[in-house]
Amino acid sequence: MLSKVNKILYASDIEKGSRPALRAAVNLCGRYQSEITYLHVIEPISSAIKSRINDLIEEADLDELYNESLVNLKHKLEKRVDDFLKSEMQESDVLKITKIKTRIEEGVVWKTIVKVANEMDVDLIVMGTRTSSSAGQFFTGSTANKVMLNSKRPLLIIPLTDKE
């Protein structure tokens, strides 16, 4: 087991079924008295789509919409964490909402996870994976697999389903 875990980066797509990975990150956080950063990465839109949108909406309006969307997404992440803690944590549990920070970044998902992990100097990355078969992971490559191959930090990968 890891000897010292002060900072955990939990990367999530916030889709249905990602709760087991958050549960694992929270359990580790409680065990090691560490901090969690809940990272959600937004894939950049293609230049073709961006061009189409710019034809329809003024740039200033588009920037305002984008910034509003980021604020709404951050609130969604914070609510998700709060709901999780209320439903799963006991009053006696050490972990408090202040130990979980949310962060939203834009970029290629696996590259951004590795970049943020290095930037923050985290001790552990926790994330889930939904790829159903090892052959599927081998041929298409999952985000978790790409993070594992490109990061020098310990990585805990939790298999996910769409049920929880």
N, C-alpha and C. Protein backbone atom coordinates (compact mmCIF):
# COMPACT_ATOMS: atom_id res chain seq x y z
N MET A 1 0.84 -1.18 0.00
CA MET A 1 0.00 0.00 0.00
C MET A 1 0.89 1.24 0.00
N LEU A 2 0.33 2.35 -0.41
CA LEU A 2 1.06 3.60 -0.44
C LEU A 2 1.37 4.07 0.98
N SER A 3 2.57 4.58 1.19
CA SER A 3 2.94 5.00 2.53
C SER A 3 2.43 6.39 2.88
N LYS A 4 2.35 7.28 1.91
CA LYS A 4 1.94 8.65 2.19
C LYS A 4 1.11 9.18 1.02
N VAL A 5 -0.10 9.58 1.29
CA VAL A 5 -0.96 10.13 0.25
C VAL A 5 -1.56 11.44 0.78
N ASN A 6 -0.96 12.56 0.39
CA ASN A 6 -1.46 13.86 0.82
C ASN A 6 -2.44 14.47 -0.16
N LYS A 7 -2.22 14.20 -1.46
CA LYS A 7 -3.07 14.79 -2.50
C LYS A 7 -3.55 13.69 -3.44
N ILE A 8 -4.87 13.66 -3.64
CA ILE A 8 -5.49 12.71 -4.56
C ILE A 8 -6.15 13.51 -5.67
N LEU A 9 -5.91 13.10 -6.91
CA LEU A 9 -6.61 13.68 -8.04
C LEU A 9 -7.64 12.65 -8.49
N TYR A 10 -8.91 13.01 -8.36
CA TYR A 10 -9.99 12.14 -8.81
C TYR A 10 -10.51 12.72 -10.12
N ALA A 11 -10.33 11.97 -11.22
CA ALA A 11 -10.75 12.42 -12.54
C ALA A 11 -12.03 11.68 -12.92
N SER A 12 -13.05 12.45 -13.32
CA SER A 12 -14.34 11.84 -13.62
C SER A 12 -15.00 12.49 -14.82
N ASP A 13 -15.76 11.67 -15.53
CA ASP A 13 -16.55 12.17 -16.65
C ASP A 13 -17.95 12.59 -16.19
N ILE A 14 -18.23 12.47 -14.92
CA ILE A 14 -19.50 12.77 -14.25
C ILE A 14 -20.72 12.06 -14.85
N GLU A 15 -20.47 10.97 -15.54
CA GLU A 15 -21.58 10.19 -16.08
C GLU A 15 -22.15 9.27 -15.02
N LYS A 16 -23.34 8.75 -15.29
CA LYS A 16 -23.97 7.79 -14.39
C LYS A 16 -23.03 6.58 -14.25
N GLY A 17 -22.92 6.10 -13.03
CA GLY A 17 -22.09 4.93 -12.79
C GLY A 17 -20.69 5.25 -12.29
N SER A 18 -20.36 6.53 -12.14
CA SER A 18 -19.01 6.87 -11.72
C SER A 18 -18.83 6.94 -10.20
N ARG A 19 -19.90 6.69 -9.46
CA ARG A 19 -19.85 6.80 -8.00
C ARG A 19 -18.83 5.84 -7.35
N PRO A 20 -18.65 4.61 -7.82
CA PRO A 20 -17.66 3.73 -7.16
C PRO A 20 -16.24 4.30 -7.16
N ALA A 21 -15.87 5.01 -8.20
CA ALA A 21 -14.53 5.62 -8.23
C ALA A 21 -14.44 6.77 -7.24
N LEU A 22 -15.50 7.57 -7.12
CA LEU A 22 -15.52 8.64 -6.12
C LEU A 22 -15.48 8.04 -4.72
N ARG A 23 -16.21 6.95 -4.53
CA ARG A 23 -16.22 6.28 -3.22
C ARG A 23 -14.80 5.82 -2.85
N ALA A 24 -14.08 5.25 -3.82
CA ALA A 24 -12.71 4.79 -3.57
C ALA A 24 -11.81 5.97 -3.20
N ALA A 25 -11.94 7.09 -3.93
CA ALA A 25 -11.12 8.27 -3.64
C ALA A 25 -11.42 8.81 -2.25
N VAL A 26 -12.70 8.86 -1.89
CA VAL A 26 -13.11 9.38 -0.58
C VAL A 26 -12.61 8.45 0.53
N ASN A 27 -12.71 7.15 0.32
CA ASN A 27 -12.21 6.21 1.33
C ASN A 27 -10.72 6.37 1.55
N LEU A 28 -9.96 6.53 0.47
CA LEU A 28 -8.52 6.75 0.60
C LEU A 28 -8.23 8.07 1.30
N CYS A 29 -9.01 9.07 0.97
CA CYS A 29 -8.84 10.38 1.59
C CYS A 29 -9.05 10.29 3.10
N GLY A 30 -10.07 9.56 3.52
CA GLY A 30 -10.33 9.37 4.94
C GLY A 30 -9.22 8.61 5.63
N ARG A 31 -8.71 7.60 4.94
CA ARG A 31 -7.64 6.78 5.52
C ARG A 31 -6.34 7.56 5.70
N TYR A 32 -6.00 8.36 4.70
CA TYR A 32 -4.71 9.06 4.72
C TYR A 32 -4.82 10.53 5.16
N GLN A 33 -6.02 10.99 5.48
CA GLN A 33 -6.22 12.39 5.85
C GLN A 33 -5.70 13.32 4.75
N SER A 34 -6.01 12.98 3.51
CA SER A 34 -5.50 13.76 2.39
C SER A 34 -6.58 14.66 1.80
N GLU A 35 -6.21 15.39 0.77
CA GLU A 35 -7.14 16.26 0.04
C GLU A 35 -7.45 15.62 -1.30
N ILE A 36 -8.66 15.86 -1.78
CA ILE A 36 -9.06 15.38 -3.11
C ILE A 36 -9.35 16.57 -4.00
N THR A 37 -8.86 16.53 -5.21
CA THR A 37 -9.28 17.47 -6.23
C THR A 37 -10.10 16.66 -7.24
N TYR A 38 -11.35 17.06 -7.41
CA TYR A 38 -12.28 16.42 -8.33
C TYR A 38 -12.12 17.13 -9.67
N LEU A 39 -11.51 16.45 -10.63
CA LEU A 39 -11.21 17.04 -11.94
C LEU A 39 -12.19 16.53 -12.99
N HIS A 40 -12.75 17.48 -13.71
CA HIS A 40 -13.55 17.13 -14.89
C HIS A 40 -12.93 17.85 -16.07
N VAL A 41 -12.66 17.10 -17.14
CA VAL A 41 -12.03 17.66 -18.32
C VAL A 41 -13.05 17.76 -19.45
N ILE A 42 -13.13 18.93 -20.05
CA ILE A 42 -14.01 19.17 -21.18
C ILE A 42 -13.19 19.04 -22.45
N GLU A 43 -13.63 18.19 -23.35
CA GLU A 43 -12.95 18.05 -24.64
C GLU A 43 -13.18 19.33 -25.45
N PRO A 44 -12.15 19.86 -26.10
CA PRO A 44 -12.36 21.05 -26.93
C PRO A 44 -13.22 20.70 -28.15
N ILE A 45 -14.01 21.67 -28.60
CA ILE A 45 -14.84 21.41 -29.78
C ILE A 45 -13.99 21.57 -31.03
N SER A 46 -14.38 20.87 -32.07
CA SER A 46 -13.61 20.91 -33.31
C SER A 46 -13.70 22.29 -33.95
N SER A 47 -12.73 22.60 -34.78
CA SER A 47 -12.72 23.91 -35.44
C SER A 47 -13.91 24.06 -36.39
N ALA A 48 -14.37 22.96 -36.98
CA ALA A 48 -15.53 23.03 -37.88
C ALA A 48 -16.79 23.42 -37.10
N ILE A 49 -16.98 22.82 -35.94
CA ILE A 49 -18.15 23.15 -35.12
C ILE A 49 -18.02 24.57 -34.60
N LYS A 50 -16.82 24.94 -34.16
CA LYS A 50 -16.59 26.29 -33.65
C LYS A 50 -16.91 27.33 -34.73
N SER A 51 -16.52 27.04 -35.97
CA SER A 51 -16.78 27.94 -37.08
C SER A 51 -18.29 28.08 -37.32
N ARG A 52 -19.00 26.97 -37.27
CA ARG A 52 -20.47 26.99 -37.44
C ARG A 52 -21.14 27.81 -36.35
N ILE A 53 -20.70 27.61 -35.12
CA ILE A 53 -21.27 28.35 -33.99
C ILE A 53 -20.99 29.84 -34.14
N ASN A 54 -19.79 30.18 -34.57
CA ASN A 54 -19.44 31.59 -34.76
C ASN A 54 -20.28 32.24 -35.84
N ASP A 55 -20.76 31.45 -36.81
CA ASP A 55 -21.66 31.98 -37.84
C ASP A 55 -23.03 32.33 -37.25
N LEU A 56 -23.41 31.65 -36.19
CA LEU A 56 -24.74 31.81 -35.61
C LEU A 56 -24.79 32.76 -34.42
N ILE A 57 -23.71 32.85 -33.68
CA ILE A 57 -23.70 33.61 -32.43
C ILE A 57 -22.51 34.56 -32.42
N GLU A 58 -22.74 35.76 -31.96
CA GLU A 58 -21.66 36.73 -31.82
C GLU A 58 -20.62 36.20 -30.84
N GLU A 59 -19.36 36.53 -31.06
CA GLU A 59 -18.28 36.00 -30.22
C GLU A 59 -18.44 36.39 -28.75
N ALA A 60 -18.85 37.62 -28.49
CA ALA A 60 -19.03 38.06 -27.09
C ALA A 60 -20.14 37.26 -26.42
N ASP A 61 -21.22 37.01 -27.15
CA ASP A 61 -22.32 36.20 -26.60
C ASP A 61 -21.87 34.77 -26.37
N LEU A 62 -21.08 34.26 -27.28
CA LEU A 62 -20.57 32.90 -27.15
C LEU A 62 -19.65 32.77 -25.94
N ASP A 63 -18.79 33.75 -25.73
CA ASP A 63 -17.91 33.74 -24.55
C ASP A 63 -18.72 33.78 -23.27
N GLU A 64 -19.78 34.61 -23.26
CA GLU A 64 -20.63 34.70 -22.08
C GLU A 64 -21.33 33.36 -21.81
N LEU A 65 -21.84 32.72 -22.87
CA LEU A 65 -22.48 31.41 -22.73
C LEU A 65 -21.50 30.38 -22.19
N TYR A 66 -20.30 30.39 -22.72
CA TYR A 66 -19.27 29.44 -22.30
C TYR A 66 -18.95 29.63 -20.82
N ASN A 67 -18.75 30.87 -20.42
CA ASN A 67 -18.42 31.15 -19.01
C ASN A 67 -19.57 30.76 -18.09
N GLU A 68 -20.80 31.02 -18.49
CA GLU A 68 -21.97 30.60 -17.71
C GLU A 68 -22.01 29.08 -17.58
N SER A 69 -21.71 28.40 -18.68
CA SER A 69 -21.70 26.94 -18.67
C SER A 69 -20.67 26.39 -17.70
N LEU A 70 -19.50 27.01 -17.66
CA LEU A 70 -18.46 26.58 -16.72
C LEU A 70 -18.90 26.77 -15.28
N VAL A 71 -19.54 27.89 -14.99
CA VAL A 71 -20.05 28.14 -13.64
C VAL A 71 -21.10 27.09 -13.28
N ASN A 72 -22.02 26.82 -14.20
CA ASN A 72 -23.06 25.81 -13.96
C ASN A 72 -22.46 24.42 -13.75
N LEU A 73 -21.44 24.08 -14.54
CA LEU A 73 -20.79 22.79 -14.41
C LEU A 73 -20.08 22.68 -13.06
N LYS A 74 -19.43 23.74 -12.65
CA LYS A 74 -18.75 23.74 -11.34
C LYS A 74 -19.77 23.53 -10.22
N HIS A 75 -20.92 24.20 -10.31
CA HIS A 75 -21.99 24.00 -9.31
C HIS A 75 -22.47 22.55 -9.33
N LYS A 76 -22.58 21.97 -10.53
CA LYS A 76 -23.02 20.58 -10.65
C LYS A 76 -22.03 19.64 -9.96
N LEU A 77 -20.73 19.88 -10.18
CA LEU A 77 -19.70 19.05 -9.52
C LEU A 77 -19.77 19.20 -8.01
N GLU A 78 -19.91 20.43 -7.53
CA GLU A 78 -19.97 20.66 -6.09
C GLU A 78 -21.22 20.02 -5.48
N LYS A 79 -22.33 20.08 -6.19
CA LYS A 79 -23.57 19.46 -5.71
C LYS A 79 -23.41 17.94 -5.67
N ARG A 80 -22.76 17.41 -6.69
CA ARG A 80 -22.53 15.96 -6.74
C ARG A 80 -21.70 15.50 -5.53
N VAL A 81 -20.66 16.24 -5.22
CA VAL A 81 -19.82 15.91 -4.06
C VAL A 81 -20.64 16.03 -2.78
N ASP A 82 -21.39 17.12 -2.65
CA ASP A 82 -22.20 17.34 -1.45
C ASP A 82 -23.24 16.23 -1.29
N ASP A 83 -23.93 15.86 -2.37
CA ASP A 83 -24.93 14.78 -2.32
C ASP A 83 -24.28 13.46 -1.93
N PHE A 84 -23.09 13.21 -2.48
CA PHE A 84 -22.37 11.98 -2.16
C PHE A 84 -22.05 11.93 -0.67
N LEU A 85 -21.50 13.01 -0.16
CA LEU A 85 -21.11 13.05 1.25
C LEU A 85 -22.34 12.89 2.16
N LYS A 86 -23.44 13.54 1.80
CA LYS A 86 -24.66 13.44 2.62
C LYS A 86 -25.22 12.01 2.60
N SER A 87 -25.14 11.33 1.46
CA SER A 87 -25.73 10.00 1.36
C SER A 87 -24.83 8.88 1.86
N GLU A 88 -23.52 9.09 1.86
CA GLU A 88 -22.61 7.99 2.17
C GLU A 88 -21.76 8.17 3.42
N MET A 89 -21.62 9.37 3.89
CA MET A 89 -20.72 9.60 5.01
C MET A 89 -21.50 9.67 6.32
N GLN A 90 -20.91 9.13 7.35
CA GLN A 90 -21.47 9.21 8.70
C GLN A 90 -20.99 10.50 9.35
N GLU A 91 -21.74 10.98 10.34
CA GLU A 91 -21.32 12.20 11.04
C GLU A 91 -19.95 12.05 11.68
N SER A 92 -19.60 10.82 12.02
CA SER A 92 -18.32 10.58 12.68
C SER A 92 -17.14 10.54 11.70
N ASP A 93 -17.44 10.45 10.41
CA ASP A 93 -16.37 10.38 9.43
C ASP A 93 -15.57 11.68 9.41
N VAL A 94 -14.29 11.53 9.21
CA VAL A 94 -13.37 12.66 9.29
C VAL A 94 -13.49 13.58 8.07
N LEU A 95 -13.81 13.02 6.94
CA LEU A 95 -13.80 13.79 5.70
C LEU A 95 -14.88 14.87 5.71
N LYS A 96 -14.50 16.03 5.32
CA LYS A 96 -15.42 17.16 5.23
C LYS A 96 -15.39 17.69 3.80
N ILE A 97 -16.43 18.38 3.42
CA ILE A 97 -16.55 18.93 2.07
C ILE A 97 -15.36 19.84 1.73
N THR A 98 -14.77 20.48 2.73
CA THR A 98 -13.64 21.38 2.48
C THR A 98 -12.40 20.63 2.01
N LYS A 99 -12.37 19.31 2.21
CA LYS A 99 -11.22 18.52 1.77
C LYS A 99 -11.34 18.15 0.29
N ILE A 100 -12.49 18.43 -0.33
CA ILE A 100 -12.70 18.10 -1.74
C ILE A 100 -12.87 19.40 -2.52
N LYS A 101 -11.95 19.63 -3.44
CA LYS A 101 -12.02 20.80 -4.30
C LYS A 101 -12.41 20.34 -5.70
N THR A 102 -13.08 21.21 -6.44
CA THR A 102 -13.46 20.87 -7.81
C THR A 102 -12.64 21.72 -8.78
N ARG A 103 -12.36 21.12 -9.92
CA ARG A 103 -11.56 21.81 -10.93
C ARG A 103 -12.05 21.36 -12.31
N ILE A 104 -12.19 22.31 -13.21
CA ILE A 104 -12.60 22.03 -14.58
C ILE A 104 -11.51 22.53 -15.51
N GLU A 105 -11.12 21.68 -16.43
CA GLU A 105 -10.09 22.04 -17.41
C GLU A 105 -10.60 21.67 -18.80
N GLU A 106 -10.01 22.29 -19.81
CA GLU A 106 -10.35 21.96 -21.18
C GLU A 106 -9.11 21.40 -21.86
N GLY A 107 -9.30 20.31 -22.62
CA GLY A 107 -8.19 19.72 -23.34
C GLY A 107 -8.45 18.26 -23.66
N VAL A 108 -7.45 17.62 -24.23
CA VAL A 108 -7.51 16.18 -24.46
C VAL A 108 -7.51 15.53 -23.08
N VAL A 109 -8.49 14.68 -22.82
CA VAL A 109 -8.74 14.23 -21.46
C VAL A 109 -7.51 13.61 -20.81
N TRP A 110 -6.91 12.60 -21.40
CA TRP A 110 -5.81 11.90 -20.74
C TRP A 110 -4.60 12.83 -20.55
N LYS A 111 -4.34 13.67 -21.54
CA LYS A 111 -3.19 14.59 -21.44
C LYS A 111 -3.43 15.61 -20.32
N THR A 112 -4.66 16.06 -20.21
CA THR A 112 -4.99 17.06 -19.19
C THR A 112 -4.91 16.45 -17.79
N ILE A 113 -5.35 15.21 -17.64
CA ILE A 113 -5.26 14.54 -16.33
C ILE A 113 -3.79 14.43 -15.91
N VAL A 114 -2.93 14.00 -16.82
CA VAL A 114 -1.50 13.86 -16.52
C VAL A 114 -0.90 15.23 -16.22
N LYS A 115 -1.25 16.24 -17.01
CA LYS A 115 -0.72 17.59 -16.80
C LYS A 115 -1.12 18.14 -15.43
N VAL A 116 -2.41 18.01 -15.08
CA VAL A 116 -2.89 18.53 -13.79
C VAL A 116 -2.26 17.75 -12.63
N ALA A 117 -2.13 16.43 -12.79
CA ALA A 117 -1.51 15.62 -11.73
C ALA A 117 -0.07 16.07 -11.48
N ASN A 118 0.65 16.36 -12.54
CA ASN A 118 2.03 16.83 -12.40
C ASN A 118 2.08 18.24 -11.81
N GLU A 119 1.21 19.09 -12.31
CA GLU A 119 1.13 20.47 -11.84
C GLU A 119 0.86 20.53 -10.33
N MET A 120 -0.05 19.68 -9.87
CA MET A 120 -0.45 19.67 -8.46
C MET A 120 0.47 18.79 -7.60
N ASP A 121 1.33 18.02 -8.26
CA ASP A 121 2.22 17.09 -7.58
C ASP A 121 1.43 16.14 -6.69
N VAL A 122 0.41 15.50 -7.29
CA VAL A 122 -0.44 14.59 -6.52
C VAL A 122 0.29 13.29 -6.23
N ASP A 123 -0.16 12.62 -5.18
CA ASP A 123 0.43 11.35 -4.78
C ASP A 123 -0.30 10.17 -5.42
N LEU A 124 -1.53 10.40 -5.88
CA LEU A 124 -2.34 9.32 -6.44
C LEU A 124 -3.40 9.89 -7.36
N ILE A 125 -3.61 9.22 -8.49
CA ILE A 125 -4.71 9.53 -9.41
C ILE A 125 -5.73 8.42 -9.27
N VAL A 126 -7.00 8.78 -9.08
CA VAL A 126 -8.08 7.80 -9.02
C VAL A 126 -9.04 8.11 -10.15
N MET A 127 -9.40 7.08 -10.90
CA MET A 127 -10.37 7.26 -11.97
C MET A 127 -11.04 5.93 -12.29
N GLY A 128 -12.15 6.02 -12.96
CA GLY A 128 -12.87 4.82 -13.35
C GLY A 128 -12.69 4.55 -14.82
N THR A 129 -13.06 3.34 -15.22
CA THR A 129 -13.05 3.00 -16.63
C THR A 129 -14.28 2.16 -16.94
N ARG A 130 -14.85 2.39 -18.11
CA ARG A 130 -16.06 1.68 -18.52
C ARG A 130 -15.80 0.67 -19.63
N THR A 131 -14.61 0.60 -20.14
CA THR A 131 -14.35 -0.33 -21.24
C THR A 131 -14.67 -1.74 -20.77
N SER A 132 -15.54 -2.39 -21.51
CA SER A 132 -16.09 -3.66 -21.05
C SER A 132 -15.18 -4.86 -21.28
N SER A 133 -14.28 -4.80 -22.23
CA SER A 133 -13.42 -5.96 -22.47
C SER A 133 -11.97 -5.54 -22.60
N SER A 134 -11.08 -6.46 -22.27
CA SER A 134 -9.66 -6.14 -22.39
C SER A 134 -9.26 -5.98 -23.85
N ALA A 135 -9.92 -6.70 -24.75
CA ALA A 135 -9.65 -6.53 -26.18
C ALA A 135 -10.05 -5.13 -26.62
N GLY A 136 -11.18 -4.64 -26.12
CA GLY A 136 -11.62 -3.28 -26.45
C GLY A 136 -10.64 -2.25 -25.95
N GLN A 137 -10.11 -2.46 -24.74
CA GLN A 137 -9.11 -1.54 -24.21
C GLN A 137 -7.84 -1.57 -25.05
N PHE A 138 -7.45 -2.77 -25.46
CA PHE A 138 -6.20 -2.90 -26.22
C PHE A 138 -6.31 -2.20 -27.58
N PHE A 139 -7.43 -2.42 -28.28
CA PHE A 139 -7.54 -1.88 -29.63
C PHE A 139 -7.95 -0.40 -29.66
N THR A 140 -8.83 0.02 -28.78
CA THR A 140 -9.27 1.41 -28.83
C THR A 140 -8.54 2.27 -27.81
N GLY A 141 -8.10 1.67 -26.74
CA GLY A 141 -7.41 2.42 -25.70
C GLY A 141 -8.40 3.24 -24.88
N SER A 142 -8.36 3.07 -23.60
CA SER A 142 -9.24 3.85 -22.74
C SER A 142 -8.45 5.04 -22.20
N THR A 143 -9.18 6.01 -21.70
CA THR A 143 -8.53 7.17 -21.08
C THR A 143 -7.64 6.70 -19.92
N ALA A 144 -8.17 5.79 -19.10
CA ALA A 144 -7.38 5.29 -17.96
C ALA A 144 -6.09 4.62 -18.45
N ASN A 145 -6.19 3.86 -19.51
CA ASN A 145 -5.01 3.19 -20.06
C ASN A 145 -3.97 4.22 -20.53
N LYS A 146 -4.43 5.27 -21.20
CA LYS A 146 -3.51 6.30 -21.68
C LYS A 146 -2.87 7.05 -20.52
N VAL A 147 -3.65 7.31 -19.46
CA VAL A 147 -3.07 7.96 -18.28
C VAL A 147 -2.01 7.05 -17.68
N MET A 148 -2.33 5.77 -17.55
CA MET A 148 -1.40 4.81 -16.96
C MET A 148 -0.08 4.77 -17.75
N LEU A 149 -0.17 4.78 -19.07
CA LEU A 149 1.03 4.69 -19.90
C LEU A 149 1.84 5.98 -19.94
N ASN A 150 1.21 7.10 -19.59
CA ASN A 150 1.89 8.39 -19.73
C ASN A 150 2.15 9.13 -18.42
N SER A 151 1.77 8.55 -17.31
CA SER A 151 2.01 9.19 -16.03
C SER A 151 2.99 8.37 -15.21
N LYS A 152 3.77 9.05 -14.43
CA LYS A 152 4.72 8.37 -13.54
C LYS A 152 4.18 8.33 -12.11
N ARG A 153 2.91 8.67 -11.96
CA ARG A 153 2.28 8.70 -10.64
C ARG A 153 1.43 7.45 -10.44
N PRO A 154 1.29 7.00 -9.19
CA PRO A 154 0.42 5.85 -8.93
C PRO A 154 -1.00 6.15 -9.41
N LEU A 155 -1.64 5.13 -9.95
CA LEU A 155 -2.98 5.27 -10.52
C LEU A 155 -3.86 4.15 -10.02
N LEU A 156 -5.01 4.48 -9.48
CA LEU A 156 -6.00 3.50 -9.06
C LEU A 156 -7.15 3.58 -10.05
N ILE A 157 -7.38 2.47 -10.75
CA ILE A 157 -8.44 2.40 -11.77
C ILE A 157 -9.57 1.54 -11.22
N ILE A 158 -10.77 2.10 -11.18
CA ILE A 158 -11.95 1.41 -10.66
C ILE A 158 -12.84 1.04 -11.83
N PRO A 159 -13.19 -0.27 -11.98
CA PRO A 159 -14.13 -0.64 -13.04
C PRO A 159 -15.51 -0.07 -12.72
N LEU A 160 -16.16 0.52 -13.73
CA LEU A 160 -17.45 1.15 -13.55
C LEU A 160 -18.54 0.44 -14.35
N THR A 161 -19.76 0.59 -13.87
CA THR A 161 -20.93 0.14 -14.62
C THR A 161 -21.83 1.36 -14.79
N ASP A 162 -22.92 1.20 -15.48
CA ASP A 162 -23.87 2.30 -15.65
C ASP A 162 -24.97 2.27 -14.62
N LYS A 163 -24.85 1.40 -13.62
CA LYS A 163 -25.93 1.18 -12.67
C LYS A 163 -25.97 2.18 -11.53
N GLU A 164 -24.84 2.63 -11.05
CA GLU A 164 -24.84 3.43 -9.82
C GLU A 164 -24.57 4.87 -10.10
